Amino acid sequence: MFTTKYSEILEQIDQVDPINYGRTRNFIDGDVSKLSPYISRGVISTKQVM
């Protein structure tokens, strides 16, 4: 499930490997950030992720 604790969401951002994500995100077993629920609801911004 998705956490609702802001500090844990920020930790998730820090754990994203942008190189691996970009290379594998379109594959079934690829790397995904799992941040879209937070971005789409305005909890975090795309600027925070970048």
N, C-alpha and C. Protein backbone atom coordinates (compact mmCIF):
# COMPACT_ATOMS: atom_id res chain seq x y z
N MET A 1 0.84 -1.18 0.00
CA MET A 1 0.00 0.00 0.00
C MET A 1 0.88 1.24 0.00
N PHE A 2 0.29 2.35 -0.24
CA PHE A 2 1.02 3.61 -0.29
C PHE A 2 1.01 4.28 1.08
N THR A 3 2.18 4.74 1.50
CA THR A 3 2.30 5.39 2.79
C THR A 3 1.65 6.77 2.77
N THR A 4 1.23 7.23 3.92
CA THR A 4 0.68 8.58 4.04
C THR A 4 1.60 9.48 4.86
N LYS A 5 2.72 8.95 5.28
CA LYS A 5 3.68 9.74 6.07
C LYS A 5 4.61 10.49 5.12
N TYR A 6 4.60 11.82 5.23
CA TYR A 6 5.37 12.66 4.33
C TYR A 6 6.86 12.32 4.36
N SER A 7 7.40 12.03 5.53
CA SER A 7 8.82 11.70 5.63
C SER A 7 9.15 10.42 4.87
N GLU A 8 8.26 9.46 4.86
CA GLU A 8 8.47 8.22 4.12
C GLU A 8 8.35 8.44 2.61
N ILE A 9 7.48 9.37 2.22
CA ILE A 9 7.36 9.71 0.80
C ILE A 9 8.66 10.33 0.31
N LEU A 10 9.23 11.22 1.11
CA LEU A 10 10.50 11.85 0.75
C LEU A 10 11.62 10.82 0.66
N GLU A 11 11.60 9.83 1.52
CA GLU A 11 12.59 8.74 1.46
C GLU A 11 12.44 7.97 0.15
N GLN A 12 11.20 7.76 -0.29
CA GLN A 12 10.97 7.06 -1.56
C GLN A 12 11.58 7.84 -2.72
N ILE A 13 11.47 9.16 -2.67
CA ILE A 13 12.06 9.99 -3.73
C ILE A 13 13.57 9.78 -3.76
N ASP A 14 14.19 9.76 -2.59
CA ASP A 14 15.64 9.58 -2.51
C ASP A 14 16.09 8.21 -3.02
N GLN A 15 15.22 7.23 -2.97
CA GLN A 15 15.58 5.88 -3.38
C GLN A 15 15.46 5.63 -4.88
N VAL A 16 14.87 6.57 -5.61
CA VAL A 16 14.71 6.40 -7.06
C VAL A 16 16.07 6.53 -7.74
N ASP A 17 16.40 5.54 -8.55
CA ASP A 17 17.62 5.56 -9.36
C ASP A 17 17.21 6.00 -10.77
N PRO A 18 17.43 7.27 -11.12
CA PRO A 18 16.92 7.78 -12.40
C PRO A 18 17.48 7.06 -13.63
N ILE A 19 18.70 6.60 -13.57
CA ILE A 19 19.29 5.89 -14.71
C ILE A 19 18.58 4.56 -14.92
N ASN A 20 18.46 3.78 -13.87
CA ASN A 20 17.80 2.48 -13.96
C ASN A 20 16.31 2.64 -14.28
N TYR A 21 15.68 3.63 -13.68
CA TYR A 21 14.26 3.89 -13.95
C TYR A 21 14.05 4.19 -15.43
N GLY A 22 14.83 5.09 -15.98
CA GLY A 22 14.69 5.47 -17.38
C GLY A 22 14.94 4.32 -18.34
N ARG A 23 15.82 3.43 -17.96
CA ARG A 23 16.18 2.30 -18.83
C ARG A 23 15.18 1.16 -18.77
N THR A 24 14.49 0.98 -17.63
CA THR A 24 13.69 -0.24 -17.45
C THR A 24 12.21 -0.01 -17.16
N ARG A 25 11.75 1.22 -17.07
CA ARG A 25 10.38 1.48 -16.61
C ARG A 25 9.30 0.93 -17.51
N ASN A 26 9.59 0.70 -18.77
CA ASN A 26 8.57 0.22 -19.71
C ASN A 26 8.48 -1.30 -19.77
N PHE A 27 9.23 -2.00 -18.96
CA PHE A 27 9.20 -3.46 -18.94
C PHE A 27 8.35 -3.94 -17.76
N ILE A 28 7.76 -5.11 -17.91
CA ILE A 28 6.89 -5.66 -16.87
C ILE A 28 7.60 -5.73 -15.53
N ASP A 29 8.85 -6.16 -15.53
CA ASP A 29 9.60 -6.28 -14.28
C ASP A 29 10.55 -5.10 -14.08
N GLY A 30 10.29 -4.00 -14.77
CA GLY A 30 11.17 -2.83 -14.70
C GLY A 30 11.00 -2.02 -13.43
N ASP A 31 11.89 -1.07 -13.29
CA ASP A 31 11.89 -0.18 -12.14
C ASP A 31 10.76 0.83 -12.26
N VAL A 32 9.98 1.00 -11.21
CA VAL A 32 8.93 2.02 -11.17
C VAL A 32 9.10 2.83 -9.89
N SER A 33 8.67 4.08 -9.92
CA SER A 33 8.88 4.95 -8.76
C SER A 33 7.78 4.82 -7.71
N LYS A 34 6.59 4.46 -8.11
CA LYS A 34 5.41 4.38 -7.23
C LYS A 34 5.09 5.73 -6.59
N LEU A 35 5.45 6.80 -7.27
CA LEU A 35 5.20 8.15 -6.75
C LEU A 35 3.99 8.81 -7.39
N SER A 36 3.43 8.24 -8.44
CA SER A 36 2.35 8.91 -9.17
C SER A 36 1.13 9.25 -8.32
N PRO A 37 0.72 8.43 -7.34
CA PRO A 37 -0.43 8.83 -6.52
C PRO A 37 -0.17 10.12 -5.74
N TYR A 38 1.07 10.31 -5.33
CA TYR A 38 1.42 11.51 -4.57
C TYR A 38 1.51 12.73 -5.48
N ILE A 39 2.01 12.54 -6.69
CA ILE A 39 2.13 13.64 -7.64
C ILE A 39 0.74 14.05 -8.14
N SER A 40 -0.07 13.08 -8.50
CA SER A 40 -1.39 13.38 -9.07
C SER A 40 -2.33 14.04 -8.06
N ARG A 41 -2.08 13.83 -6.78
CA ARG A 41 -2.93 14.44 -5.75
C ARG A 41 -2.30 15.67 -5.11
N GLY A 42 -1.15 16.07 -5.62
CA GLY A 42 -0.52 17.30 -5.15
C GLY A 42 0.23 17.19 -3.84
N VAL A 43 0.48 15.97 -3.38
CA VAL A 43 1.24 15.79 -2.13
C VAL A 43 2.70 16.19 -2.35
N ILE A 44 3.24 15.80 -3.50
CA ILE A 44 4.59 16.21 -3.90
C ILE A 44 4.51 16.75 -5.32
N SER A 45 5.50 17.50 -5.72
CA SER A 45 5.52 18.05 -7.08
C SER A 45 6.57 17.32 -7.92
N THR A 46 6.45 17.47 -9.22
CA THR A 46 7.45 16.88 -10.10
C THR A 46 8.81 17.54 -9.89
N LYS A 47 8.83 18.78 -9.45
CA LYS A 47 10.10 19.45 -9.15
C LYS A 47 10.82 18.75 -8.00
N GLN A 48 10.07 18.27 -7.02
CA GLN A 48 10.68 17.55 -5.91
C GLN A 48 11.32 16.25 -6.37
N VAL A 49 10.71 15.62 -7.35
CA VAL A 49 11.21 14.33 -7.84
C VAL A 49 12.43 14.53 -8.72
N MET A 50 12.43 15.61 -9.49
CA MET A 50 13.56 15.87 -10.39
C MET A 50 14.71 16.36 -9.57
